[in-house]
Amino acid sequence: MSQVCEEFHEWVESWVEQEIQKCKQKKCKKWCLCCNKWFCWIEIALVKVGQWVTRVVCEVVNVALDALGGILGLIFAIPILGRLLRQIWSALLDLIWRIVGLIGVLLDWLGVDWEKKYRICIIILSKQGKPLTSEAALTPTIQSAQATWKSAANVKLIVEAVHEVIPTDERDRNLVVECDFGAWTDDLFLTGSNFELYGNTYCFDGAGRRLIGWASPVIVFVVEDIVNKRGCSLGPFADYVTIEAASPGCLAHELGHAVYPWSHHSDSVNLMHSSCGGTQLREWQRILMRNSRHITYF
């Protein structure tokens, strides 16, 4: 089951359970042979039917979008031309969903601070058949990032999946990557092609959402080395970030770059400071980040 469909199903289940308890606690109105309870149970039955219909539709649409995302991903994986198309498509999606999300910007500006969700999928690359790190080793970093995003932006960081092993040895171009302009050229050539294929294979459940942009999970590639950096992101031009296996502490910071079109902030306590040690955001940063296609209410 897709992550989004499952979350919706669980939310409705929780609501139905609450309503069932309320129905059980209602006092029977004997003058109408407990008609008040009848209506209550009829309402719950209708919601349950609607829940399952919605679930089936959600799953069918999700599978179709994932399949389409996987197919188009083969085109996007073509070096240079396909990668340029992917960069342009990602940038367009970022712009479109920011325009669509202007209502959310207004709500944030007015102080209506509803929790949003930020989904990621982690792929740990391998060297000589062995993963560079493990899910257990990354857990403290993930928990720290979750706490930072919750406190700084009221965003729930959701790890949809962690894949520890890729069954084929990576060449150096996948394990040692560049940042800044070098990251852009890496993305144009075989490193970007491989990352596109890995993302659509190991994070297949998010392929459809990555294609349309809404609730698109950011893929976190754990690599051996990022030249002169500890993490890197291409911002709106890609839907993945890279962090180092031996020093993954820039996770929260790089996830910020994925939803933040500006560069670093000068304040050392700011999440977007180059030290990767900040945990705070200015209000305008917070609103800007929450307007990203990657961060949604559902």
Protein backbone atom coordinates (compact mmCIF):
# COMPACT_ATOMS: atom_id res chain seq x y z
CA MET A 1 0.00 0.00 0.00
CA SER A 2 1.29 3.47 -0.81
CA GLN A 3 2.41 5.60 2.11
CA VAL A 4 -0.13 8.37 1.49
CA CYS A 5 -3.03 5.94 1.00
CA GLU A 6 -2.08 4.09 4.17
CA GLU A 7 -1.89 7.30 6.20
CA PHE A 8 -5.33 8.38 4.96
CA HIS A 9 -6.79 4.95 5.71
CA GLU A 10 -5.38 5.00 9.26
CA TRP A 11 -6.71 8.52 9.85
CA VAL A 12 -10.26 7.48 8.83
CA GLU A 13 -9.97 4.29 10.92
CA SER A 14 -9.09 6.37 13.97
CA TRP A 15 -12.03 8.70 13.37
CA VAL A 16 -14.44 5.77 12.91
CA GLU A 17 -13.28 4.18 16.17
CA GLN A 18 -13.97 7.43 17.99
CA GLU A 19 -17.45 7.64 16.47
CA ILE A 20 -18.18 4.02 17.40
CA GLN A 21 -17.36 4.79 21.02
CA LYS A 22 -19.65 7.82 20.90
CA CYS A 23 -22.47 5.66 19.47
CA LYS A 24 -22.06 3.11 22.24
CA GLN A 25 -22.23 5.83 24.87
CA LYS A 26 -25.37 7.44 23.50
CA LYS A 27 -28.52 6.87 25.51
CA CYS A 28 -31.30 5.13 23.70
CA LYS A 29 -34.38 7.26 22.95
CA LYS A 30 -37.11 4.75 23.67
CA TRP A 31 -39.88 6.87 22.21
CA CYS A 32 -38.50 6.19 18.71
CA LEU A 33 -37.12 2.70 19.38
CA CYS A 34 -33.53 3.97 19.70
CA CYS A 35 -33.67 5.76 16.33
CA ASN A 36 -30.86 8.06 17.42
CA LYS A 37 -28.53 5.05 17.57
CA TRP A 38 -29.76 3.78 14.22
CA PHE A 39 -28.74 7.01 12.50
CA CYS A 40 -25.41 6.90 14.25
CA TRP A 41 -24.59 3.38 13.06
CA ILE A 42 -25.89 4.14 9.55
CA GLU A 43 -23.52 7.11 9.37
CA ILE A 44 -20.58 4.94 10.44
CA ALA A 45 -21.50 2.26 7.89
CA LEU A 46 -21.63 4.81 5.08
CA VAL A 47 -18.25 6.23 6.12
CA LYS A 48 -16.74 2.73 6.21
CA VAL A 49 -17.99 2.02 2.69
CA GLY A 50 -16.64 5.36 1.50
CA GLN A 51 -13.35 4.63 3.22
CA TRP A 52 -12.81 1.40 1.33
CA VAL A 53 -13.92 2.88 -1.99
CA THR A 54 -11.50 5.77 -1.49
CA ARG A 55 -8.74 3.36 -0.56
CA VAL A 56 -9.22 1.31 -3.73
CA VAL A 57 -9.27 4.43 -5.91
CA CYS A 58 -6.21 5.81 -4.12
CA GLU A 59 -4.29 2.58 -4.65
CA VAL A 60 -5.23 2.31 -8.33
CA VAL A 61 -4.25 5.92 -9.04
CA ASN A 62 -1.04 5.53 -7.02
CA VAL A 63 0.02 2.38 -8.88
CA ALA A 64 -0.71 4.01 -12.23
CA LEU A 65 1.29 7.12 -11.33
CA ASP A 66 4.18 5.06 -9.97
CA ALA A 67 4.28 3.02 -13.17
CA LEU A 68 4.20 6.17 -15.29
CA GLY A 69 6.90 7.73 -13.09
CA GLY A 70 9.05 4.65 -13.49
CA ILE A 71 8.67 4.65 -17.28
CA LEU A 72 9.41 8.37 -17.64
CA GLY A 73 12.28 7.86 -15.21
CA LEU A 74 14.00 5.82 -17.90
CA ILE A 75 13.88 8.87 -20.15
CA PHE A 76 15.02 11.17 -17.34
CA ALA A 77 17.95 8.80 -16.74
CA ILE A 78 19.41 9.49 -20.19
CA PRO A 79 22.63 11.48 -19.66
CA ILE A 80 22.59 15.17 -20.58
CA LEU A 81 19.28 15.45 -22.49
CA GLY A 82 17.19 13.35 -20.10
CA ARG A 83 18.87 14.90 -17.07
CA LEU A 84 18.27 18.43 -18.39
CA LEU A 85 14.61 17.58 -18.91
CA ARG A 86 14.45 16.28 -15.33
CA GLN A 87 16.03 19.46 -13.95
CA ILE A 88 13.65 21.68 -15.92
CA TRP A 89 10.64 19.56 -14.91
CA SER A 90 11.65 19.69 -11.23
CA ALA A 91 12.05 23.46 -11.33
CA LEU A 92 8.66 23.88 -13.05
CA LEU A 93 6.98 21.64 -10.48
CA ASP A 94 8.55 23.67 -7.69
CA LEU A 95 7.20 26.90 -9.15
CA ILE A 96 3.72 25.51 -9.89
CA TRP A 97 3.19 24.01 -6.44
CA ARG A 98 4.48 27.16 -4.73
CA ILE A 99 1.80 29.13 -6.62
CA VAL A 100 -0.85 26.53 -5.71
CA GLY A 101 0.31 26.68 -2.10
CA LEU A 102 -0.14 30.44 -1.69
CA ILE A 103 -3.26 29.82 0.42
CA GLY A 104 -1.06 27.89 2.83
CA VAL A 105 1.42 30.78 2.84
CA LEU A 106 -1.40 33.13 3.83
CA LEU A 107 -2.49 30.80 6.63
CA ASP A 108 1.08 30.57 7.92
CA TRP A 109 1.43 34.36 7.75
CA LEU A 110 -1.82 34.72 9.74
CA GLY A 111 -0.49 32.32 12.37
CA VAL A 112 -2.62 29.28 11.48
CA ASP A 113 0.13 26.81 12.28
CA TRP A 114 -1.15 23.42 11.17
CA GLU A 115 1.36 20.59 11.10
CA LYS A 116 2.73 19.61 7.70
CA LYS A 117 4.56 16.49 6.53
CA TYR A 118 7.94 16.13 4.84
CA ARG A 119 8.68 12.69 3.41
CA ILE A 120 12.08 11.22 2.64
CA CYS A 121 13.43 7.91 1.35
CA ILE A 122 16.99 6.96 2.24
CA ILE A 123 19.28 4.92 0.00
CA ILE A 124 22.61 3.83 1.45
CA LEU A 125 25.12 3.07 -1.29
CA SER A 126 27.50 0.12 -1.11
CA LYS A 127 31.19 -0.31 -1.68
CA GLN A 128 32.57 -3.71 -2.63
CA GLY A 129 29.24 -5.29 -1.75
CA LYS A 130 28.98 -3.76 1.73
CA PRO A 131 26.74 -0.84 2.71
CA LEU A 132 28.62 2.32 3.67
CA THR A 133 26.60 2.55 6.89
CA SER A 134 23.41 1.13 8.39
CA GLU A 135 19.94 2.25 9.32
CA ALA A 136 20.82 1.81 12.99
CA ALA A 137 23.87 4.07 12.63
CA LEU A 138 21.74 6.75 10.94
CA THR A 139 18.93 6.60 13.51
CA PRO A 140 20.34 9.29 15.87
CA THR A 141 20.83 11.64 12.91
CA ILE A 142 17.31 10.96 11.65
CA GLN A 143 15.82 11.56 15.10
CA SER A 144 17.77 14.79 15.45
CA ALA A 145 16.54 15.97 12.04
CA GLN A 146 12.96 15.09 12.97
CA ALA A 147 13.20 17.06 16.21
CA THR A 148 14.74 20.05 14.41
CA TRP A 149 12.08 20.22 11.71
CA LYS A 150 9.27 19.80 14.23
CA SER A 151 10.50 22.57 16.52
CA ALA A 152 11.65 24.97 13.80
CA ALA A 153 8.82 24.60 11.28
CA ASN A 154 6.11 22.37 12.81
CA VAL A 155 6.88 19.82 10.12
CA LYS A 156 6.72 16.08 10.73
CA LEU A 157 9.68 14.45 8.99
CA ILE A 158 8.59 11.00 7.78
CA VAL A 159 11.09 8.37 6.69
CA GLU A 160 9.16 6.26 4.21
CA ALA A 161 11.91 3.67 3.80
CA VAL A 162 15.61 3.01 4.32
CA HIS A 163 17.40 0.77 1.84
CA GLU A 164 20.77 -0.37 3.12
CA VAL A 165 22.17 -2.41 0.27
CA ILE A 166 22.36 -1.99 -3.47
CA PRO A 167 23.35 -5.40 -4.85
CA THR A 168 25.87 -4.14 -7.37
CA ASP A 169 29.18 -2.42 -6.63
CA GLU A 170 29.11 1.29 -7.34
CA ARG A 171 31.77 2.95 -9.42
CA ASP A 172 33.60 5.88 -7.85
CA ARG A 173 31.38 8.38 -9.64
CA ASN A 174 28.45 7.28 -7.44
CA LEU A 175 30.37 7.03 -4.17
CA VAL A 176 32.42 10.24 -4.43
CA VAL A 177 30.40 13.21 -5.62
CA GLU A 178 30.81 16.96 -6.02
CA CYS A 179 28.79 19.91 -4.76
CA ASP A 180 27.81 23.33 -6.13
CA PHE A 181 28.58 23.50 -9.88
CA GLY A 182 30.20 20.08 -9.71
CA ALA A 183 26.95 18.60 -8.37
CA TRP A 184 25.08 20.08 -11.31
CA THR A 185 27.49 18.53 -13.83
CA ASP A 186 27.41 15.22 -11.91
CA ASP A 187 23.64 15.27 -12.23
CA LEU A 188 23.83 15.82 -15.97
CA PHE A 189 25.96 12.75 -16.55
CA LEU A 190 26.11 9.17 -15.28
CA THR A 191 25.94 9.93 -11.55
CA GLY A 192 22.60 11.69 -12.05
CA SER A 193 21.43 8.89 -14.34
CA ASN A 194 22.28 6.25 -11.75
CA PHE A 195 20.62 8.23 -8.96
CA GLU A 196 17.45 8.51 -11.06
CA LEU A 197 17.38 4.76 -11.65
CA TYR A 198 18.13 3.96 -8.00
CA GLY A 199 15.39 6.32 -6.84
CA ASN A 200 12.76 4.84 -9.13
CA THR A 201 13.80 1.30 -8.20
CA TYR A 202 14.29 1.43 -4.43
CA CYS A 203 11.85 4.27 -3.66
CA PHE A 204 9.31 3.14 -6.25
CA ASP A 205 6.34 3.95 -4.00
CA GLY A 206 7.20 7.63 -4.39
CA ALA A 207 7.85 7.61 -8.16
CA GLY A 208 4.38 8.89 -9.02
CA ARG A 209 4.51 11.68 -6.44
CA ARG A 210 7.99 12.64 -7.62
CA LEU A 211 6.58 12.90 -11.14
CA ILE A 212 3.64 15.17 -10.27
CA GLY A 213 5.42 16.99 -7.45
CA TRP A 214 2.74 16.93 -4.72
CA ALA A 215 3.98 15.34 -1.47
CA SER A 216 7.08 14.33 -3.40
CA PRO A 217 9.57 12.48 -1.17
CA VAL A 218 13.15 13.71 -1.19
CA ILE A 219 15.61 10.86 -1.73
CA VAL A 220 18.64 10.95 0.54
CA PHE A 221 21.67 9.25 -0.98
CA VAL A 222 24.30 8.26 1.57
CA VAL A 223 27.64 8.37 -0.24
CA GLU A 224 31.26 7.81 0.73
CA ASP A 225 32.53 11.34 0.16
CA ILE A 226 31.32 14.76 -0.99
CA VAL A 227 34.36 16.73 -2.12
CA ASN A 228 35.07 19.56 0.37
CA LYS A 229 31.53 19.26 1.79
CA ARG A 230 29.50 17.12 4.18
CA GLY A 231 26.23 17.32 2.26
CA CYS A 232 24.79 18.74 -0.94
CA SER A 233 21.52 19.61 -2.66
CA LEU A 234 20.57 21.03 -6.05
CA GLY A 235 17.54 22.73 -4.53
CA PRO A 236 14.52 22.99 -6.87
CA PHE A 237 16.41 21.35 -9.75
CA ALA A 238 16.44 17.88 -8.15
CA ASP A 239 14.46 15.77 -5.71
CA TYR A 240 17.44 14.23 -3.95
CA VAL A 241 20.22 15.28 -1.58
CA THR A 242 23.53 13.66 -0.66
CA ILE A 243 25.14 13.20 2.75
CA GLU A 244 28.32 11.44 3.85
CA ALA A 245 28.10 8.04 5.50
CA ALA A 246 30.85 8.82 8.02
CA SER A 247 29.46 12.28 8.85
CA PRO A 248 25.70 12.38 8.24
CA GLY A 249 24.99 15.32 10.55
CA CYS A 250 24.04 17.65 7.67
CA LEU A 251 20.82 15.73 6.97
CA ALA A 252 18.42 18.34 8.41
CA HIS A 253 20.41 21.15 6.77
CA GLU A 254 20.43 19.56 3.30
CA LEU A 255 16.73 18.81 3.54
CA GLY A 256 16.40 22.53 4.14
CA HIS A 257 18.27 23.29 0.90
CA ALA A 258 15.86 20.98 -0.96
CA VAL A 259 12.95 23.29 -0.06
CA TYR A 260 14.80 26.62 0.26
CA PRO A 261 15.92 28.50 -2.90
CA TRP A 262 18.43 30.74 -1.14
CA SER A 263 21.96 29.92 -0.01
CA HIS A 264 23.33 29.86 3.54
CA HIS A 265 22.31 32.08 6.43
CA SER A 266 24.88 34.03 8.44
CA ASP A 267 23.41 33.25 11.87
CA SER A 268 25.20 30.24 13.40
CA VAL A 269 22.05 29.00 15.15
CA ASN A 270 20.08 29.06 11.90
CA LEU A 271 19.31 25.72 10.27
CA MET A 272 20.66 27.09 7.00
CA HIS A 273 24.06 28.10 8.41
CA SER A 274 26.91 26.35 6.61
CA SER A 275 28.06 24.63 9.82
CA CYS A 276 25.02 22.30 9.71
CA GLY A 277 24.63 22.81 13.46
CA GLY A 278 21.73 25.28 13.49
CA THR A 279 18.24 24.37 14.63
CA GLN A 280 16.27 27.59 14.21
CA LEU A 281 14.53 29.39 11.36
CA ARG A 282 13.42 32.95 10.77
CA GLU A 283 9.68 33.30 10.25
CA TRP A 284 10.07 34.14 6.54
CA GLN A 285 12.32 31.09 6.05
CA ARG A 286 9.80 28.92 7.81
CA ILE A 287 6.94 30.12 5.61
CA LEU A 288 9.02 29.75 2.45
CA MET A 289 10.05 26.19 3.28
CA ARG A 290 6.55 25.09 4.25
CA ASN A 291 5.37 26.24 0.80
CA SER A 292 7.50 23.60 -0.97
CA ARG A 293 6.00 20.75 -3.00
CA HIS A 294 7.82 18.37 -0.66
CA ILE A 295 6.03 19.67 2.45
CA THR A 296 2.26 19.14 2.52
CA TYR A 297 -0.66 18.91 4.92
CA PHE A 298 -1.45 15.34 3.90
